[in-house]
PDB file of N, CA and C in Angstrom:
ATOM      1  N   MET A   1      -0.122   3.196 -11.398  1.00  0.00           N
ATOM      2  CA  MET A   1       0.979   4.105 -10.890  1.00  0.00           C
ATOM      3  C   MET A   1       1.590   2.845  -9.651  1.00  0.00           C
ATOM      4  N   LYS A   2       2.572   3.054  -9.838  1.00  0.00           N
ATOM      5  CA  LYS A   2       3.831   2.311  -8.925  1.00  0.00           C
ATOM      6  C   LYS A   2       5.002   2.824  -8.100  1.00  0.00           C
ATOM      7  N   PHE A   3       4.205   3.652  -6.585  1.00  0.00           N
ATOM      8  CA  PHE A   3       5.351   4.275  -6.507  1.00  0.00           C
ATOM      9  C   PHE A   3       6.566   3.744  -5.596  1.00  0.00           C
ATOM     10  N   LYS A   4       8.074   4.170  -4.664  1.00  0.00           N
ATOM     11  CA  LYS A   4       8.195   3.482  -4.170  1.00  0.00           C
ATOM     12  C   LYS A   4       8.343   4.024  -2.816  1.00  0.00           C
ATOM     13  N   ALA A   5       8.237   3.187  -1.148  1.00  0.00           N
ATOM     14  CA  ALA A   5       7.147   3.336  -0.396  1.00  0.00           C
ATOM     15  C   ALA A   5       8.035   3.025   0.649  1.00  0.00           C
ATOM     16  N   GLN A   6       8.047   3.237   1.670  1.00  0.00           N
ATOM     17  CA  GLN A   6       8.061   2.642   2.972  1.00  0.00           C
ATOM     18  C   GLN A   6       6.935   2.447   4.057  1.00  0.00           C
ATOM     19  N   LEU A   7       6.811   1.808   3.988  1.00  0.00           N
ATOM     20  CA  LEU A   7       5.172   1.233   5.259  1.00  0.00           C
ATOM     21  C   LEU A   7       5.870   0.732   6.069  1.00  0.00           C
ATOM     22  N   PHE A   8       5.270   1.663   7.496  1.00  0.00           N
ATOM     23  CA  PHE A   8       5.273   2.130   9.133  1.00  0.00           C
ATOM     24  C   PHE A   8       4.641   0.997   9.994  1.00  0.00           C
ATOM     25  N   VAL A   9       3.530   1.559   9.593  1.00  0.00           N
ATOM     26  CA  VAL A   9       2.371   0.858   9.700  1.00  0.00           C
ATOM     27  C   VAL A   9       1.018   0.609   8.621  1.00  0.00           C
ATOM     28  N   VAL A  10       0.078  -0.332   9.725  1.00  0.00           N
ATOM     29  CA  VAL A  10      -1.091  -0.485   9.316  1.00  0.00           C
ATOM     30  C   VAL A  10      -1.831  -0.821  10.172  1.00  0.00           C
ATOM     31  N   ASN A  11      -2.799   0.478  10.612  1.00  0.00           N
ATOM     32  CA  ASN A  11      -4.212   0.297  11.426  1.00  0.00           C
ATOM     33  C   ASN A  11      -5.457   0.235  10.540  1.00  0.00           C
ATOM     34  N   SER A  12      -6.092  -0.485  11.471  1.00  0.00           N
ATOM     35  CA  SER A  12      -7.270  -0.503  11.276  1.00  0.00           C
ATOM     36  C   SER A  12      -8.244   0.113  12.133  1.00  0.00           C
ATOM     37  N   SER A  13      -9.710   0.219  11.519  1.00  0.00           N
ATOM     38  CA  SER A  13     -10.461   0.963  12.717  1.00  0.00           C
ATOM     39  C   SER A  13     -12.056   0.334  11.803  1.00  0.00           C
ATOM     40  N   ASP A  14     -12.861   0.687  13.292  1.00  0.00           N
ATOM     41  CA  ASP A  14     -14.524  -0.570  12.600  1.00  0.00           C
ATOM     42  C   ASP A  14     -14.955   1.369  11.810  1.00  0.00           C
ATOM     43  N   TRP A  15     -16.460   0.612  11.379  1.00  0.00           N
ATOM     44  CA  TRP A  15     -17.093   1.804  10.835  1.00  0.00           C
ATOM     45  C   TRP A  15     -18.661   1.561  10.954  1.00  0.00           C
ATOM     46  N   GLU A  16     -19.026   2.295  10.969  1.00  0.00           N
ATOM     47  CA  GLU A  16     -21.196   2.179  10.425  1.00  0.00           C
ATOM     48  C   GLU A  16     -21.648   3.048  10.357  1.00  0.00           C
ATOM     49  N   PHE A  17     -22.145   2.957   9.505  1.00  0.00           N
ATOM     50  CA  PHE A  17     -22.566   3.809   8.489  1.00  0.00           C
ATOM     51  C   PHE A  17     -23.798   3.723   8.021  1.00  0.00           C
ATOM     52  N   GLU A  18     -25.312   3.942   8.390  1.00  0.00           N
ATOM     53  CA  GLU A  18     -27.049   3.962   7.753  1.00  0.00           C
ATOM     54  C   GLU A  18     -26.763   2.441   7.937  1.00  0.00           C
ATOM     55  N   GLY A  19     -27.010   1.942   9.069  1.00  0.00           N
ATOM     56  CA  GLY A  19     -26.614   0.534   9.031  1.00  0.00           C
ATOM     57  C   GLY A  19     -25.872  -0.697   8.397  1.00  0.00           C
ATOM     58  N   ARG A  20     -25.397  -0.051   7.772  1.00  0.00           N
ATOM     59  CA  ARG A  20     -23.737  -1.155   7.314  1.00  0.00           C
ATOM     60  C   ARG A  20     -23.027  -1.050   8.876  1.00  0.00           C
ATOM     61  N   LYS A  21     -22.129  -1.941   8.415  1.00  0.00           N
ATOM     62  CA  LYS A  21     -20.913  -1.766   9.362  1.00  0.00           C
ATOM     63  C   LYS A  21     -19.125  -2.402   8.502  1.00  0.00           C
ATOM     64  N   GLY A  22     -18.369  -1.851   8.595  1.00  0.00           N
ATOM     65  CA  GLY A  22     -17.580  -2.823   8.303  1.00  0.00           C
ATOM     66  C   GLY A  22     -16.036  -2.502   8.527  1.00  0.00           C
ATOM     67  N   THR A  23     -14.690  -2.627   8.645  1.00  0.00           N
ATOM     68  CA  THR A  23     -13.811  -2.476   9.187  1.00  0.00           C
ATOM     69  C   THR A  23     -12.805  -1.678   7.961  1.00  0.00           C
ATOM     70  N   LYS A  24     -12.265  -1.083   8.353  1.00  0.00           N
ATOM     71  CA  LYS A  24     -11.159  -0.179   7.570  1.00  0.00           C
ATOM     72  C   LYS A  24      -9.492  -0.434   7.700  1.00  0.00           C
ATOM     73  N   HIS A  25      -8.753  -0.412   6.525  1.00  0.00           N
ATOM     74  CA  HIS A  25      -7.334  -0.478   6.961  1.00  0.00           C
ATOM     75  C   HIS A  25      -6.612   0.448   6.053  1.00  0.00           C
ATOM     76  N   GLU A  26      -5.701   1.298   6.735  1.00  0.00           N
ATOM     77  CA  GLU A  26      -5.172   2.016   6.080  1.00  0.00           C
ATOM     78  C   GLU A  26      -3.414   2.200   6.046  1.00  0.00           C
ATOM     79  N   ALA A  27      -2.196   2.314   5.614  1.00  0.00           N
ATOM     80  CA  ALA A  27      -1.139   2.224   5.132  1.00  0.00           C
ATOM     81  C   ALA A  27      -0.548   3.630   5.421  1.00  0.00           C
ATOM     82  N   GLN A  28       0.442   3.883   6.712  1.00  0.00           N
ATOM     83  CA  GLN A  28       0.754   5.171   6.797  1.00  0.00           C
ATOM     84  C   GLN A  28       2.496   4.547   5.988  1.00  0.00           C
ATOM     85  N   MET A  29       2.549   5.679   4.816  1.00  0.00           N
ATOM     86  CA  MET A  29       3.984   5.166   4.248  1.00  0.00           C
ATOM     87  C   MET A  29       4.378   6.821   4.663  1.00  0.00           C
ATOM     88  N   LEU A  30       6.050   6.258   3.177  1.00  0.00           N
ATOM     89  CA  LEU A  30       6.488   7.241   3.230  1.00  0.00           C
ATOM     90  C   LEU A  30       6.747   7.661   1.582  1.00  0.00           C
ATOM     91  N   ILE A  31       6.192   7.991   0.915  1.00  0.00           N
ATOM     92  CA  ILE A  31       6.145   7.617  -0.273  1.00  0.00           C
ATOM     93  C   ILE A  31       7.119   8.634  -1.180  1.00  0.00           C
ATOM     94  N   THR A  32       8.093   8.094  -2.156  1.00  0.00           N
ATOM     95  CA  THR A  32       9.119   8.644  -2.842  1.00  0.00           C
ATOM     96  C   THR A  32       8.752   8.930  -4.345  1.00  0.00           C
ATOM     97  N   SER A  33       8.230   9.992  -4.712  1.00  0.00           N
ATOM     98  CA  SER A  33       8.141   9.698  -6.524  1.00  0.00           C
ATOM     99  C   SER A  33       9.550  10.740  -7.245  1.00  0.00           C
ATOM    100  N   SER A  34       9.654   9.903  -8.780  1.00  0.00           N
ATOM    101  CA  SER A  34      10.751  11.180  -9.399  1.00  0.00           C
ATOM    102  C   SER A  34      10.380  10.805 -10.291  1.00  0.00           C
ATOM    103  N   ARG A  35      10.661  12.023 -10.905  1.00  0.00           N
ATOM    104  CA  ARG A  35      11.580  12.700 -12.223  1.00  0.00           C
ATOM    105  C   ARG A  35      12.061  13.436 -12.728  1.00  0.00           C
ATOM    106  N   GLU A  36      12.116  13.878 -14.028  1.00  0.00           N
ATOM    107  CA  GLU A  36      12.702  14.300 -14.896  1.00  0.00           C
ATOM    108  C   GLU A  36      13.002  15.667 -15.134  1.00  0.00           C
ATOM    109  N   GLU A  37      14.033  16.671 -14.828  1.00  0.00           N
ATOM    110  CA  GLU A  37      13.901  18.317 -14.700  1.00  0.00           C
ATOM    111  C   GLU A  37      14.952  18.780 -15.557  1.00  0.00           C
ATOM    112  N   GLU A  38      15.209  19.016 -16.386  1.00  0.00           N
ATOM    113  CA  GLU A  38      16.246  19.353 -17.059  1.00  0.00           C
ATOM    114  C   GLU A  38      17.157  18.601 -16.894  1.00  0.00           C
ATOM    115  N   GLY A  39      17.343  17.367 -17.233  1.00  0.00           N
ATOM    116  CA  GLY A  39      18.116  16.320 -17.520  1.00  0.00           C
ATOM    117  C   GLY A  39      18.490  15.743 -16.400  1.00  0.00           C
ATOM    118  N   LYS A  40      17.625  16.411 -14.861  1.00  0.00           N
ATOM    119  CA  LYS A  40      17.787  15.829 -13.721  1.00  0.00           C
ATOM    120  C   LYS A  40      17.270  14.969 -12.918  1.00  0.00           C
ATOM    121  N   GLN A  41      17.528  13.785 -12.167  1.00  0.00           N
ATOM    122  CA  GLN A  41      16.494  13.325 -11.881  1.00  0.00           C
ATOM    123  C   GLN A  41      15.566  13.961 -10.628  1.00  0.00           C
ATOM    124  N   VAL A  42      14.759  14.578  -9.970  1.00  0.00           N
ATOM    125  CA  VAL A  42      14.611  15.167  -8.815  1.00  0.00           C
ATOM    126  C   VAL A  42      13.310  13.896  -8.542  1.00  0.00           C
ATOM    127  N   GLU A  43      13.785  13.754  -6.721  1.00  0.00           N
ATOM    128  CA  GLU A  43      12.705  13.077  -6.277  1.00  0.00           C
ATOM    129  C   GLU A  43      11.797  13.600  -5.446  1.00  0.00           C
ATOM    130  N   HIS A  44      10.571  13.626  -4.957  1.00  0.00           N
ATOM    131  CA  HIS A  44      10.224  14.062  -4.257  1.00  0.00           C
ATOM    132  C   HIS A  44       9.088  12.954  -3.040  1.00  0.00           C
ATOM    133  N   THR A  45       9.388  13.317  -1.593  1.00  0.00           N
ATOM    134  CA  THR A  45       9.287  12.021  -0.475  1.00  0.00           C
ATOM    135  C   THR A  45       7.965  13.051  -0.251  1.00  0.00           C
ATOM    136  N   PHE A  46       6.849  12.183   0.346  1.00  0.00           N
ATOM    137  CA  PHE A  46       5.780  12.643   1.460  1.00  0.00           C
ATOM    138  C   PHE A  46       5.436  11.501   1.604  1.00  0.00           C
ATOM    139  N   VAL A  47       4.658  11.757   2.611  1.00  0.00           N
ATOM    140  CA  VAL A  47       4.072  11.256   4.312  1.00  0.00           C
ATOM    141  C   VAL A  47       2.692  11.017   3.604  1.00  0.00           C
ATOM    142  N   ALA A  48       1.764   9.157   3.454  1.00  0.00           N
ATOM    143  CA  ALA A  48       1.019   9.816   2.642  1.00  0.00           C
ATOM    144  C   ALA A  48       0.028   8.489   4.194  1.00  0.00           C
ATOM    145  N   ARG A  49      -1.113   8.706   4.202  1.00  0.00           N
ATOM    146  CA  ARG A  49      -2.550   7.981   4.672  1.00  0.00           C
ATOM    147  C   ARG A  49      -3.015   6.759   3.542  1.00  0.00           C
ATOM    148  N   LEU A  50      -2.897   5.701   3.040  1.00  0.00           N
ATOM    149  CA  LEU A  50      -3.707   5.326   1.656  1.00  0.00           C
ATOM    150  C   LEU A  50      -4.978   4.209   2.408  1.00  0.00           C
ATOM    151  N   LYS A  51      -5.491   4.313   1.836  1.00  0.00           N
ATOM    152  CA  LYS A  51      -6.594   2.672   2.183  1.00  0.00           C
ATOM    153  C   LYS A  51      -6.158   1.792   1.651  1.00  0.00           C
ATOM    154  N   ILE A  52      -6.263   0.049   1.878  1.00  0.00           N
ATOM    155  CA  ILE A  52      -5.420  -0.862   1.677  1.00  0.00           C
ATOM    156  C   ILE A  52      -6.695  -2.051   1.993  1.00  0.00           C
ATOM    157  N   GLY A  53      -6.630  -2.725   1.101  1.00  0.00           N
ATOM    158  CA  GLY A  53      -7.792  -4.008   1.069  1.00  0.00           C
ATOM    159  C   GLY A  53      -7.912  -4.912   2.445  1.00  0.00           C
ATOM    160  N   GLU A  54      -8.467  -5.861   2.404  1.00  0.00           N
ATOM    161  CA  GLU A  54      -8.129  -6.784   3.448  1.00  0.00           C
ATOM    162  C   GLU A  54      -6.912  -7.465   3.128  1.00  0.00           C
ATOM    163  N   HIS A  55      -7.073  -7.962   2.082  1.00  0.00           N
ATOM    164  CA  HIS A  55      -5.939  -9.034   1.775  1.00  0.00           C
ATOM    165  C   HIS A  55      -4.591  -8.345   1.847  1.00  0.00           C
ATOM    166  N   LEU A  56      -4.341  -7.129   2.426  1.00  0.00           N
ATOM    167  CA  LEU A  56      -2.932  -6.628   2.664  1.00  0.00           C
ATOM    168  C   LEU A  56      -3.025  -6.123   4.094  1.00  0.00           C
ATOM    169  N   LYS A  57      -3.899  -6.080   4.835  1.00  0.00           N
ATOM    170  CA  LYS A  57      -3.749  -5.590   6.218  1.00  0.00           C
ATOM    171  C   LYS A  57      -2.741  -6.313   6.854  1.00  0.00           C
ATOM    172  N   ASP A  58      -2.008  -6.931   6.623  1.00  0.00           N
ATOM    173  CA  ASP A  58      -1.231  -7.722   7.538  1.00  0.00           C
ATOM    174  C   ASP A  58       0.527  -7.740   6.807  1.00  0.00           C
ATOM    175  N   THR A  59       0.477  -6.913   5.982  1.00  0.00           N
ATOM    176  CA  THR A  59       1.630  -6.716   5.329  1.00  0.00           C
ATOM    177  C   THR A  59       2.404  -6.073   6.413  1.00  0.00           C
ATOM    178  N   PRO A  60       3.518  -6.844   6.263  1.00  0.00           N
ATOM    179  CA  PRO A  60       4.851  -6.042   6.961  1.00  0.00           C
ATOM    180  C   PRO A  60       5.555  -4.770   6.981  1.00  0.00           C
ATOM    181  N   PRO A  61       5.875  -3.832   8.069  1.00  0.00           N
ATOM    182  CA  PRO A  61       6.149  -2.467   7.356  1.00  0.00           C
ATOM    183  C   PRO A  61       7.969  -3.271   6.515  1.00  0.00           C
ATOM    184  N   GLY A  62       8.217  -2.712   5.909  1.00  0.00           N
ATOM    185  CA  GLY A  62       9.574  -2.475   5.212  1.00  0.00           C
ATOM    186  C   GLY A  62       8.998  -1.580   3.513  1.00  0.00           C
ATOM    187  N   GLU A  63      10.020  -1.767   2.816  1.00  0.00           N
ATOM    188  CA  GLU A  63      10.446  -0.891   1.736  1.00  0.00           C
ATOM    189  C   GLU A  63       9.341  -1.984   0.204  1.00  0.00           C
ATOM    190  N   TYR A  64       8.765  -1.065  -0.141  1.00  0.00           N
ATOM    191  CA  TYR A  64       7.731  -1.697  -1.265  1.00  0.00           C
ATOM    192  C   TYR A  64       7.822  -1.029  -2.812  1.00  0.00           C
ATOM    193  N   LEU A  65       7.475  -1.427  -3.503  1.00  0.00           N
ATOM    194  CA  LEU A  65       6.824  -0.507  -4.753  1.00  0.00           C
ATOM    195  C   LEU A  65       5.376  -0.855  -4.307  1.00  0.00           C
ATOM    196  N   THR A  66       4.822  -0.289  -4.608  1.00  0.00           N
ATOM    197  CA  THR A  66       3.146  -0.055  -4.010  1.00  0.00           C
ATOM    198  C   THR A  66       1.981   0.753  -5.862  1.00  0.00           C
ATOM    199  N   GLU A  67       1.460  -0.563  -5.500  1.00  0.00           N
ATOM    200  CA  GLU A  67       0.424   0.266  -6.718  1.00  0.00           C
ATOM    201  C   GLU A  67      -0.475   0.435  -6.287  1.00  0.00           C
ATOM    202  N   LEU A  68      -1.366   1.571  -6.530  1.00  0.00           N
ATOM    203  CA  LEU A  68      -2.372   1.448  -6.974  1.00  0.00           C
ATOM    204  C   LEU A  68      -3.031   2.330  -7.854  1.00  0.00           C
ATOM    205  N   ARG A  69      -4.331   2.140  -6.944  1.00  0.00           N
ATOM    206  CA  ARG A  69      -5.812   2.291  -8.081  1.00  0.00           C
ATOM    207  C   ARG A  69      -6.720   3.965  -8.122  1.00  0.00           C
ATOM    208  N   PRO A  70      -6.976   4.347  -8.381  1.00  0.00           N
ATOM    209  CA  PRO A  70      -8.058   5.017  -8.576  1.00  0.00           C
ATOM    210  C   PRO A  70      -8.980   5.256  -7.985  1.00  0.00           C
ATOM    211  N   PHE A  71      -9.964   6.033  -7.259  1.00  0.00           N
ATOM    212  CA  PHE A  71     -11.286   5.796  -6.939  1.00  0.00           C
ATOM    213  C   PHE A  71     -11.555   7.192  -6.371  1.00  0.00           C
ATOM    214  N   ALA A  72     -13.275   7.027  -6.699  1.00  0.00           N
ATOM    215  CA  ALA A  72     -13.816   8.429  -6.365  1.00  0.00           C
ATOM    216  C   ALA A  72     -14.392   7.518  -5.509  1.00  0.00           C
ATOM    217  N   ASP A  73     -14.761   9.071  -3.717  1.00  0.00           N
ATOM    218  CA  ASP A  73     -14.519   8.892  -2.566  1.00  0.00           C
ATOM    219  C   ASP A  73     -16.497   9.422  -2.755  1.00  0.00           C
ATOM    220  N   SER A  74     -17.034   9.154  -0.998  1.00  0.00           N
ATOM    221  CA  SER A  74     -18.386   9.207  -1.118  1.00  0.00           C
ATOM    222  C   SER A  74     -18.582  10.649  -1.220  1.00  0.00           C
ATOM    223  N   LYS A  75     -17.685  11.948  -1.473  1.00  0.00           N
ATOM    224  CA  LYS A  75     -17.829  12.968  -1.962  1.00  0.00           C
ATOM    225  C   LYS A  75     -17.843  13.264  -3.736  1.00  0.00           C
ATOM    226  N   GLY A  76     -17.810  11.992  -3.644  1.00  0.00           N
ATOM    227  CA  GLY A  76     -17.213  11.810  -5.888  1.00  0.00           C
ATOM    228  C   GLY A  76     -16.044  12.748  -5.953  1.00  0.00           C
ATOM    229  N   ASN A  77     -14.847  12.710  -5.215  1.00  0.00           N
ATOM    230  CA  ASN A  77     -14.027  13.242  -5.090  1.00  0.00           C
ATOM    231  C   ASN A  77     -12.367  12.348  -6.116  1.00  0.00           C
ATOM    232  N   LEU A  78     -11.658  12.336  -6.445  1.00  0.00           N
ATOM    233  CA  LEU A  78     -10.905  11.288  -7.114  1.00  0.00           C
ATOM    234  C   LEU A  78      -9.609  10.991  -5.452  1.00  0.00           C
ATOM    235  N   ASP A  79      -9.138  10.158  -5.220  1.00  0.00           N
ATOM    236  CA  ASP A  79      -8.934   9.436  -4.163  1.00  0.00           C
ATOM    237  C   ASP A  79      -8.123   8.079  -4.550  1.00  0.00           C
ATOM    238  N   PHE A  80      -6.756   8.203  -4.176  1.00  0.00           N
ATOM    239  CA  PHE A  80      -5.933   6.444  -4.305  1.00  0.00           C
ATOM    240  C   PHE A  80      -6.364   5.308  -3.486  1.00  0.00           C
ATOM    241  N   ALA A  81      -6.243   4.329  -3.434  1.00  0.00           N
ATOM    242  CA  ALA A  81      -5.521   3.063  -2.514  1.00  0.00           C
ATOM    243  C   ALA A  81      -5.065   2.368  -3.148  1.00  0.00           C
ATOM    244  N   VAL A  82      -4.294   1.560  -2.066  1.00  0.00           N
ATOM    245  CA  VAL A  82      -3.164   0.297  -2.931  1.00  0.00           C
ATOM    246  C   VAL A  82      -3.702  -0.330  -2.775  1.00  0.00           C
ATOM    247  N   ALA A  83      -3.126  -1.426  -3.907  1.00  0.00           N
ATOM    248  CA  ALA A  83      -3.264  -2.413  -4.923  1.00  0.00           C
ATOM    249  C   ALA A  83      -3.301  -3.374  -5.086  1.00  0.00           C
ATOM    250  N   ALA A  84      -1.471  -2.977  -4.212  1.00  0.00           N
ATOM    251  CA  ALA A  84      -0.811  -4.153  -4.432  1.00  0.00           C
ATOM    252  C   ALA A  84       1.063  -3.550  -3.976  1.00  0.00           C
ATOM    253  N   PHE A  85       1.549  -4.862  -2.940  1.00  0.00           N
ATOM    254  CA  PHE A  85       2.766  -4.033  -2.780  1.00  0.00           C
ATOM    255  C   PHE A  85       3.405  -5.261  -2.544  1.00  0.00           C
ATOM    256  N   ILE A  86       4.893  -4.283  -3.593  1.00  0.00           N
ATOM    257  CA  ILE A  86       6.021  -5.407  -4.007  1.00  0.00           C
ATOM    258  C   ILE A  86       6.890  -4.714  -3.455  1.00  0.00           C
ATOM    259  N   PRO A  87       7.576  -6.909  -2.865  1.00  0.00           N
ATOM    260  CA  PRO A  87       8.446  -6.252  -1.777  1.00  0.00           C
ATOM    261  C   PRO A  87       9.882  -5.647  -2.446  1.00  0.00           C
ATOM    262  N   TYR A  88      10.651  -4.541  -1.954  1.00  0.00           N
ATOM    263  CA  TYR A  88      11.913  -3.765  -2.763  1.00  0.00           C
ATOM    264  C   TYR A  88      12.958  -3.782  -2.349  1.00  0.00           C
ATOM    265  N   GLY A  89      14.130  -4.106  -3.789  1.00  0.00           N
ATOM    266  CA  GLY A  89      14.971  -4.696  -2.921  1.00  0.00           C
ATOM    267  C   GLY A  89      15.852  -6.064  -2.117  1.00  0.00           C
ATOM    268  N   ARG A  90      14.350  -7.107  -2.018  1.00  0.00           N
ATOM    269  CA  ARG A  90      14.736  -7.960  -1.564  1.00  0.00           C
ATOM    270  C   ARG A  90      13.983  -9.031  -2.032  1.00  0.00           C
ATOM    271  N   PRO A  91      14.039 -10.180  -2.204  1.00  0.00           N
ATOM    272  CA  PRO A  91      13.091 -11.109  -3.334  1.00  0.00           C
ATOM    273  C   PRO A  91      12.485 -11.359  -2.602  1.00  0.00           C
ATOM    274  N   ALA A  92      10.836 -11.692  -3.214  1.00  0.00           N
ATOM    275  CA  ALA A  92       9.906 -11.905  -2.507  1.00  0.00           C
ATOM    276  C   ALA A  92       9.913 -13.520  -1.983  1.00  0.00           C
ATOM    277  N   ALA A  93       9.268 -13.484  -0.845  1.00  0.00           N
ATOM    278  CA  ALA A  93       9.444 -15.199   0.039  1.00  0.00           C
ATOM    279  C   ALA A  93       8.506 -15.890  -1.040  1.00  0.00           C
ATOM    280  N   ASN A  94       8.606 -17.261  -1.201  1.00  0.00           N
ATOM    281  CA  ASN A  94       8.306 -18.057  -1.752  1.00  0.00           C
ATOM    282  C   ASN A  94       7.634 -19.016  -0.843  1.00  0.00           C
ATOM    283  N   ALA A  95       6.025 -19.766  -0.893  1.00  0.00           N
ATOM    284  CA  ALA A  95       5.337 -20.122   0.063  1.00  0.00           C
ATOM    285  C   ALA A  95       5.590 -21.856  -0.345  1.00  0.00           C
ATOM    286  N   LYS A  96       6.214 -22.474   0.412  1.00  0.00           N
ATOM    287  CA  LYS A  96       6.485 -24.339   0.351  1.00  0.00           C
ATOM    288  C   LYS A  96       5.265 -24.924   0.364  1.00  0.00           C
ATOM    289  N   SER A  97       5.266 -25.675  -0.087  1.00  0.00           N
ATOM    290  CA  SER A  97       4.460 -26.861  -0.514  1.00  0.00           C
ATOM    291  C   SER A  97       4.232 -27.378   0.825  1.00  0.00           C
ATOM    292  N   GLY A  98       3.053 -27.920   1.099  1.00  0.00           N
ATOM    293  CA  GLY A  98       3.034 -28.844   2.287  1.00  0.00           C
ATOM    294  C   GLY A  98       3.724 -29.980   2.565  1.00  0.00           C
ATOM    295  N   ALA A  99       4.557 -30.719   1.460  1.00  0.00           N
ATOM    296  CA  ALA A  99       5.127 -31.634   2.000  1.00  0.00           C
ATOM    297  C   ALA A  99       6.652 -31.795   1.974  1.00  0.00           C
ATOM    298  N   ALA A 100       7.148 -30.033   1.489  1.00  0.00           N
ATOM    299  CA  ALA A 100       8.192 -29.470   1.629  1.00  0.00           C
ATOM    300  C   ALA A 100       8.251 -29.149   3.314  1.00  0.00           C
ATOM    301  N   VAL A 101       6.946 -28.294   3.580  1.00  0.00           N
ATOM    302  CA  VAL A 101       7.019 -28.712   4.892  1.00  0.00           C
ATOM    303  C   VAL A 101       7.396 -29.187   6.042  1.00  0.00           C
ATOM    304  N   ALA A 102       6.850 -30.517   5.776  1.00  0.00           N
ATOM    305  CA  ALA A 102       6.487 -31.259   6.842  1.00  0.00           C
ATOM    306  C   ALA A 102       8.312 -31.886   6.654  1.00  0.00           C
ATOM    307  N   ALA A 103       8.521 -31.751   5.785  1.00  0.00           N
ATOM    308  CA  ALA A 103      10.014 -32.833   5.234  1.00  0.00           C
ATOM    309  C   ALA A 103      11.517 -32.225   6.006  1.00  0.00           C
TER     310      ALA A 103
END
């Protein structure tokens, strides 16, 4: 599932439970979804705080298409986490090879 999102900040916090430790990362975002109703496009905007993986924790604020994945939380309830942030409205940055950077 993909949604347009305005990422404001990523918060990280340490946790410990039953002898296990880790760090969780959550993105605070404004999500926009749209659907067609009676021939008109209707947008819905809501605030979300969703879990993200370690590889996304340094994502800068901005507009993105978010790719969400469902998962079951510790109580067996359905929840969603961000699987990817895809830059929206601007080209994605391309990494340069070491030779190109040194030149």
